[in-house]
Amino acid sequence: MKTSPLQEAYFRFVRLLTTLESSSAFPELDDIERSLLNTIALRSLEGKPILVGDIIFLNKAGSPATLHRRLSKLLKADLIRHGSDIDGRKKYLELTPRAQDYFAKLGECIQKAAG
């Protein structure tokens, strides 16, 4: 198969990511958990923290029960945590330092693949 330089960069990224994901230090996430974590990270990056209810009812990746279970797994994996507003009635989802490291490692894979 003949590939373009962009395709080659993508395949290098996939190989690096596969190696990284097989590492015991890297969190094992399924597609739904990865999607939820990415959504939380993007909202955080935009300065718009997301509420637990928002992510469960606005996400089309699964039923509310499925999404709640996946959020619980992300909490147990120490990738996200609950943050509260001033009066404590609303629960926001925030990234933990472990999640920040996760995204940094992904960024490193992208840099290596592009270089």
Protein backbone atom coordinates (compact mmCIF):
# COMPACT_ATOMS: atom_id res chain seq x y z
CA MET A 1 0.00 0.00 0.00
CA LYS A 2 1.41 3.37 -0.97
CA THR A 3 0.94 6.02 1.70
CA SER A 4 1.25 9.78 1.84
CA PRO A 5 3.40 11.55 4.46
CA LEU A 6 0.25 12.47 6.39
CA GLN A 7 -0.91 8.86 6.41
CA GLU A 8 2.52 7.73 7.55
CA ALA A 9 2.42 10.25 10.42
CA TYR A 10 -1.01 8.95 11.44
CA PHE A 11 0.16 5.34 11.39
CA ARG A 12 3.25 6.26 13.46
CA PHE A 13 0.86 7.88 15.95
CA VAL A 14 -1.33 4.76 16.08
CA ARG A 15 1.73 2.56 16.70
CA LEU A 16 2.99 4.85 19.46
CA LEU A 17 -0.47 5.02 21.03
CA THR A 18 -0.87 1.24 20.91
CA THR A 19 2.48 0.81 22.66
CA LEU A 20 1.56 3.43 25.26
CA GLU A 21 -1.88 1.93 25.90
CA SER A 22 -0.37 -1.49 26.54
CA SER A 23 1.74 0.00 29.32
CA SER A 24 0.47 -0.78 32.83
CA ALA A 25 0.94 2.87 33.83
CA PHE A 26 -1.50 4.06 31.18
CA PRO A 27 -5.22 4.00 32.07
CA GLU A 28 -7.25 1.37 30.24
CA LEU A 29 -10.22 3.20 28.69
CA ASP A 30 -12.93 2.04 26.33
CA ASP A 31 -14.29 4.29 23.57
CA ILE A 32 -17.12 5.69 25.73
CA GLU A 33 -14.80 6.52 28.62
CA ARG A 34 -12.31 8.13 26.23
CA SER A 35 -15.12 10.19 24.69
CA LEU A 36 -16.35 11.33 28.11
CA LEU A 37 -12.83 12.24 29.23
CA ASN A 38 -12.22 14.18 26.01
CA THR A 39 -15.52 16.05 26.44
CA ILE A 40 -14.63 17.02 30.02
CA ALA A 41 -11.13 18.09 28.93
CA LEU A 42 -12.37 20.19 26.01
CA ARG A 43 -14.98 21.94 28.13
CA SER A 44 -12.36 22.61 30.78
CA LEU A 45 -9.98 23.99 28.13
CA GLU A 46 -12.76 26.33 26.96
CA GLY A 47 -13.27 27.52 30.54
CA LYS A 48 -16.77 26.02 30.66
CA PRO A 49 -16.83 23.28 33.30
CA ILE A 50 -19.43 20.62 32.66
CA LEU A 51 -22.01 19.40 35.12
CA VAL A 52 -22.50 15.69 35.76
CA GLY A 53 -26.10 15.92 34.56
CA ASP A 54 -25.11 17.73 31.38
CA ILE A 55 -22.63 15.10 30.31
CA ILE A 56 -25.03 12.26 31.06
CA PHE A 57 -28.05 13.71 29.31
CA LEU A 58 -26.33 15.46 26.41
CA ASN A 59 -23.99 12.64 25.43
CA LYS A 60 -25.32 10.23 22.82
CA ALA A 61 -22.67 7.57 23.47
CA GLY A 62 -24.98 5.51 25.67
CA SER A 63 -27.88 5.44 28.07
CA PRO A 64 -27.76 7.59 31.22
CA ALA A 65 -27.06 4.46 33.28
CA THR A 66 -24.17 3.44 31.01
CA LEU A 67 -22.67 6.92 31.09
CA HIS A 68 -23.02 7.12 34.86
CA ARG A 69 -21.15 3.80 35.21
CA ARG A 70 -18.42 5.05 32.89
CA LEU A 71 -18.08 8.30 34.88
CA SER A 72 -17.81 6.21 38.05
CA LYS A 73 -14.98 4.23 36.46
CA LEU A 74 -13.18 7.47 35.50
CA LEU A 75 -13.59 8.67 39.10
CA LYS A 76 -12.17 5.41 40.48
CA ALA A 77 -9.27 5.61 38.01
CA ASP A 78 -8.50 9.09 39.41
CA LEU A 79 -8.89 10.73 36.00
CA ILE A 80 -11.75 13.01 37.01
CA ARG A 81 -13.11 14.40 40.26
CA HIS A 82 -16.18 16.28 41.40
CA GLY A 83 -15.99 19.99 41.93
CA SER A 84 -18.83 21.94 43.53
CA ASP A 85 -20.18 25.41 43.05
CA ILE A 86 -20.39 27.90 45.90
CA ASP A 87 -23.50 26.45 47.55
CA GLY A 88 -22.59 22.82 46.79
CA ARG A 89 -25.76 21.95 44.87
CA LYS A 90 -24.14 21.52 41.47
CA LYS A 91 -21.44 18.93 40.81
CA TYR A 92 -18.95 19.76 38.11
CA LEU A 93 -16.50 17.33 36.57
CA GLU A 94 -12.83 18.29 36.65
CA LEU A 95 -9.67 16.68 35.37
CA THR A 96 -7.18 15.37 37.92
CA PRO A 97 -3.39 15.63 37.64
CA ARG A 98 -3.40 12.02 36.40
CA ALA A 99 -5.68 13.04 33.52
CA GLN A 100 -3.38 15.97 32.75
CA ASP A 101 -0.49 13.48 32.51
CA TYR A 102 -2.62 11.24 30.27
CA PHE A 103 -3.21 14.08 27.81
CA ALA A 104 0.44 15.13 27.98
CA LYS A 105 1.50 11.61 26.99
CA LEU A 106 -0.96 11.67 24.10
CA GLY A 107 0.53 14.99 23.01
CA GLU A 108 4.02 13.48 23.13
CA CYS A 109 2.84 10.68 20.82
CA ILE A 110 1.53 13.26 18.36
CA GLN A 111 4.81 15.19 18.43
CA LYS A 112 6.88 12.05 17.89
CA ALA A 113 4.63 10.91 15.06
CA ALA A 114 4.85 14.29 13.32
CA GLY A 115 8.63 14.53 13.67
